[in-house]
Amino acid sequence: MTVSEAGRRGGQATKQRHGAAFYGAIGKKGGEVTKRRHGPDFYQTIGKKGGDTVKRLLGPQFYERIGKKGGQKVKRLVEAGKKAVRV
């Protein structure tokens, strides 16, 4: 067994033992500590860095593609809502 396999198995066992609520709580706690330590502007800075990296690696077409996917999803939801109101 490799080290990464052992890590995955350990992570899966822990997840089953503690559940999603546990991980949600510790994630929130970590986020609050990060916000206190670095300030809320930190998130804007790292988001911009990440966006610039994605743009550089995948090109601006990536954002066009995901924008269209999101727009199609909204269009379907609006149509479904209109049908529900008519019924």
Protein backbone atom coordinates (compact mmCIF):
# COMPACT_ATOMS: atom_id res chain seq x y z
CA MET A 1 0.00 0.00 0.00
CA THR A 2 1.35 3.41 -0.93
CA VAL A 3 1.35 6.38 1.40
CA SER A 4 -1.36 8.12 -0.65
CA GLU A 5 -3.57 5.00 -0.57
CA ALA A 6 -3.19 4.82 3.20
CA GLY A 7 -4.07 8.51 3.47
CA ARG A 8 -7.18 8.05 1.35
CA ARG A 9 -8.34 5.09 3.39
CA GLY A 10 -7.76 6.98 6.62
CA GLY A 11 -9.64 9.99 5.31
CA GLN A 12 -12.58 7.85 4.21
CA ALA A 13 -12.76 6.15 7.61
CA THR A 14 -12.65 9.49 9.41
CA LYS A 15 -15.35 10.94 7.16
CA GLN A 16 -17.65 8.01 7.95
CA ARG A 17 -16.95 8.37 11.65
CA HIS A 18 -17.54 12.13 11.95
CA GLY A 19 -19.97 13.01 9.16
CA ALA A 20 -20.48 16.07 7.00
CA ALA A 21 -21.62 18.37 9.83
CA PHE A 22 -18.32 17.87 11.65
CA TYR A 23 -16.29 18.85 8.59
CA GLY A 24 -18.56 21.79 7.88
CA ALA A 25 -17.98 23.07 11.41
CA ILE A 26 -14.21 22.76 11.31
CA GLY A 27 -14.10 24.34 7.84
CA LYS A 28 -16.12 27.29 9.08
CA LYS A 29 -13.88 27.64 12.11
CA GLY A 30 -10.78 27.64 9.89
CA GLY A 31 -12.34 30.24 7.60
CA GLU A 32 -13.14 32.51 10.52
CA VAL A 33 -9.57 32.25 11.82
CA THR A 34 -8.21 33.05 8.35
CA LYS A 35 -10.54 36.05 8.05
CA ARG A 36 -9.44 37.33 11.47
CA ARG A 37 -5.76 36.75 10.72
CA HIS A 38 -5.61 38.14 7.17
CA GLY A 39 -8.73 40.30 6.88
CA PRO A 40 -11.60 40.01 4.40
CA ASP A 41 -9.59 41.64 1.58
CA PHE A 42 -7.37 38.55 1.58
CA TYR A 43 -10.14 36.54 -0.08
CA GLN A 44 -10.50 39.12 -2.85
CA THR A 45 -6.75 39.03 -3.48
CA ILE A 46 -6.49 35.24 -3.67
CA GLY A 47 -9.63 35.05 -5.81
CA LYS A 48 -8.12 37.47 -8.31
CA LYS A 49 -4.84 35.52 -8.35
CA GLY A 50 -6.74 32.28 -8.96
CA GLY A 51 -8.87 33.83 -11.69
CA ASP A 52 -5.81 35.24 -13.44
CA THR A 53 -4.08 31.86 -13.28
CA VAL A 54 -7.12 30.07 -14.74
CA LYS A 55 -7.35 32.67 -17.49
CA ARG A 56 -3.65 32.22 -18.29
CA LEU A 57 -3.79 28.40 -18.26
CA LEU A 58 -7.21 27.75 -19.81
CA GLY A 59 -7.77 30.96 -21.73
CA PRO A 60 -10.70 33.37 -21.69
CA GLN A 61 -12.80 30.79 -23.57
CA PHE A 62 -13.08 28.86 -20.30
CA TYR A 63 -15.07 31.69 -18.73
CA GLU A 64 -17.24 32.00 -21.84
CA ARG A 65 -18.00 28.27 -21.68
CA ILE A 66 -18.94 28.21 -17.99
CA GLY A 67 -20.93 31.43 -18.39
CA LYS A 68 -23.02 29.84 -21.12
CA LYS A 69 -23.58 26.74 -18.97
CA GLY A 70 -24.78 28.92 -16.11
CA GLY A 71 -27.01 30.93 -18.41
CA GLN A 72 -28.61 27.78 -19.82
CA LYS A 73 -29.28 26.50 -16.30
CA VAL A 74 -30.98 29.78 -15.35
CA LYS A 75 -33.02 29.69 -18.56
CA ARG A 76 -34.28 26.15 -17.73
CA LEU A 77 -35.13 27.16 -14.16
CA VAL A 78 -37.08 30.22 -15.35
CA GLU A 79 -39.04 28.10 -17.83
CA ALA A 80 -39.79 25.52 -15.15
CA GLY A 81 -40.99 28.28 -12.84
CA LYS A 82 -43.28 29.70 -15.50
CA LYS A 83 -44.78 26.25 -16.12
CA ALA A 84 -45.35 25.73 -12.40
CA VAL A 85 -47.22 29.05 -12.14
CA ARG A 86 -49.45 28.21 -15.13
CA VAL A 87 -50.52 24.83 -13.69
